[in-house]
Protein backbone atom coordinates (compact mmCIF):
# COMPACT_ATOMS: atom_id res chain seq x y z
CA MET A 1 89.30 96.09 135.87
CA SER A 2 90.27 93.16 133.75
CA LYS A 3 93.38 92.88 131.66
CA ASP A 4 91.27 93.17 128.48
CA GLU A 5 89.55 96.34 129.76
CA ASN A 6 92.94 97.90 130.52
CA ILE A 7 94.20 97.06 127.04
CA ALA A 8 91.02 98.53 125.51
CA ALA A 9 91.57 101.77 127.48
CA LEU A 10 95.16 101.92 126.27
CA VAL A 11 94.01 101.40 122.67
CA ARG A 12 91.60 104.35 123.07
CA PHE A 13 94.51 106.43 124.41
CA GLY A 14 96.69 105.45 121.42
CA ASN A 15 93.93 106.12 118.91
CA ALA A 16 93.42 109.63 120.32
CA VAL A 17 97.15 110.38 120.17
CA ASN A 18 97.74 108.93 116.69
CA SER A 19 94.64 110.47 115.13
CA GLY A 20 95.15 113.89 116.68
CA ASN A 21 91.67 113.73 118.28
CA LEU A 22 93.25 114.76 121.56
CA ALA A 23 89.97 115.81 123.21
CA ASP A 24 89.22 112.06 123.35
CA LEU A 25 91.95 111.78 126.01
CA ARG A 26 89.43 113.23 128.47
CA ASN A 27 87.53 109.94 128.15
CA VAL A 28 90.48 107.74 129.04
CA ILE A 29 92.60 109.77 131.50
CA SER A 30 91.45 110.47 135.05
CA ALA A 31 91.15 114.14 136.03
CA ASP A 32 93.75 113.63 138.76
CA SER A 33 95.99 111.24 136.82
CA LEU A 34 99.64 111.40 137.88
CA ASP A 35 102.41 111.30 135.26
CA ASN A 36 105.61 110.30 137.05
CA ASP A 37 107.71 111.34 134.03
CA PRO A 38 105.96 114.46 132.68
CA SER A 39 107.20 116.72 129.93
CA PRO A 40 108.18 120.22 131.05
CA ASP A 41 105.06 122.28 131.87
CA GLN A 42 102.80 119.30 131.09
CA GLY A 43 100.41 119.63 134.02
CA ARG A 44 98.13 116.99 135.54
CA GLY A 45 95.26 115.01 134.13
CA PRO A 46 93.95 114.91 130.58
CA GLU A 47 94.58 118.63 129.98
CA GLY A 48 98.30 118.09 130.62
CA TYR A 49 98.42 115.27 128.09
CA ILE A 50 96.41 117.30 125.57
CA ARG A 51 98.86 120.18 125.90
CA MET A 52 101.92 117.93 125.58
CA PHE A 53 100.59 115.99 122.57
CA THR A 54 99.38 119.20 120.90
CA GLU A 55 102.93 120.56 121.07
CA THR A 56 104.36 117.24 119.87
CA ARG A 57 101.94 117.07 116.93
CA GLN A 58 102.76 120.69 115.98
CA ALA A 59 106.43 119.71 115.78
CA PHE A 60 105.72 116.33 114.14
CA PRO A 61 102.35 116.57 112.31
CA ASP A 62 102.56 112.93 111.16
CA PHE A 63 103.43 111.76 114.70
CA ASN A 64 102.59 108.09 115.20
CA VAL A 65 103.16 105.58 117.99
CA ASP A 66 103.22 101.86 117.19
CA VAL A 67 103.12 99.36 120.04
CA VAL A 68 105.83 96.74 119.59
CA LYS A 69 105.38 94.65 122.74
CA LEU A 70 102.60 94.75 125.33
CA LEU A 71 102.12 93.11 128.73
CA ALA A 72 99.02 93.60 130.88
CA ASP A 73 97.42 92.54 134.13
CA ASP A 74 94.31 93.55 136.07
CA ASP A 75 95.84 96.91 137.07
CA SER A 76 98.39 97.97 134.49
CA VAL A 77 99.56 97.85 130.90
CA ALA A 78 103.25 98.00 130.03
CA PHE A 79 104.39 98.45 126.47
CA ALA A 80 107.38 99.16 124.29
CA TYR A 81 106.75 101.38 121.31
CA THR A 82 108.27 103.00 118.26
CA MET A 83 107.49 106.66 117.60
CA THR A 84 107.88 108.11 114.12
CA GLY A 85 107.31 111.54 112.64
CA THR A 86 108.65 114.28 110.40
CA HIS A 87 110.10 117.35 112.10
CA LYS A 88 108.14 120.22 110.55
CA GLY A 89 107.59 122.55 113.52
CA ASN A 90 109.33 123.83 116.64
CA PHE A 91 110.63 121.07 118.94
CA MET A 92 112.44 122.09 122.12
CA GLY A 93 113.30 125.42 120.52
CA ILE A 94 114.52 123.88 117.26
CA PRO A 95 112.66 124.96 114.10
CA GLY A 96 111.42 122.27 111.72
CA THR A 97 114.10 120.57 109.65
CA GLY A 98 111.99 118.24 107.52
CA ARG A 99 113.95 115.29 108.89
CA LYS A 100 112.21 112.04 109.77
CA VAL A 101 112.67 110.56 113.23
CA LYS A 102 112.21 107.09 114.62
CA ILE A 103 112.77 106.36 118.29
CA ARG A 104 111.84 103.82 120.91
CA GLY A 105 110.20 104.22 124.27
CA LEU A 106 108.57 102.39 127.17
CA GLN A 107 105.45 103.15 129.17
CA ILE A 108 103.63 101.62 132.11
CA SER A 109 100.09 102.83 132.74
CA ARG A 110 97.87 102.00 135.71
CA PHE A 111 94.10 102.05 135.23
CA GLU A 112 91.04 102.32 137.47
CA ASN A 113 87.44 102.31 136.24
CA GLY A 114 88.47 102.50 132.59
CA LYS A 115 90.78 105.51 132.97
CA MET A 116 94.52 105.97 133.29
CA VAL A 117 95.33 107.10 136.83
CA GLU A 118 99.12 106.86 136.77
CA ARG A 119 101.89 106.65 134.19
CA TRP A 120 105.63 105.99 134.09
CA GLY A 121 107.51 106.31 130.84
CA SER A 122 110.66 107.05 128.93
CA SER A 123 111.23 108.14 125.34
CA ASP A 124 114.55 108.60 123.58
CA GLN A 125 114.58 112.42 123.45
CA LEU A 126 118.33 112.47 122.77
CA GLY A 127 117.66 110.24 119.76
CA ILE A 128 115.12 112.75 118.47
CA LEU A 129 117.60 115.61 118.89
CA GLN A 130 120.32 113.66 117.10
CA GLN A 131 118.01 112.75 114.23
CA ILE A 132 116.89 116.36 113.69
CA GLY A 133 120.53 117.48 113.73
CA ALA A 134 120.39 119.37 117.02
CA LYS A 135 123.00 117.24 118.77
CA ALA A 136 125.93 115.67 116.98
CA GLN A 137 126.32 111.90 117.14
CA GLY A 138 128.66 110.95 119.97
CA ALA A 139 128.70 114.47 121.47
CA SER A 140 128.29 114.82 125.21
């Protein structure tokens, strides 16, 4: 695939996540896609992502990911992002607080034939917990 095709696939992924049209992830994630940094109980392939983002959107109904910096080649797309949302539902066992969160993260996605086949990533989960009041600033 070309760099532009990989970026277009990533844009489709982002649109599905940000809009909440998570079924669209089936069109951009390979059935046997490997997530090297999965959420607990995420599972493989598009169904794993649908489950994870469903839970995330239940906790943060206005969940949104904005790409800040993007690099791409003929195999992969790497990007830094900012995630925002308002904590209105259960997140990691913590009931909604109404607090807004803003964190950063990084992701590298590898594509084949227009679909994501592998992902590496990291989001600031501690930052989310601190911002919703679940972990005190500076606590270990």
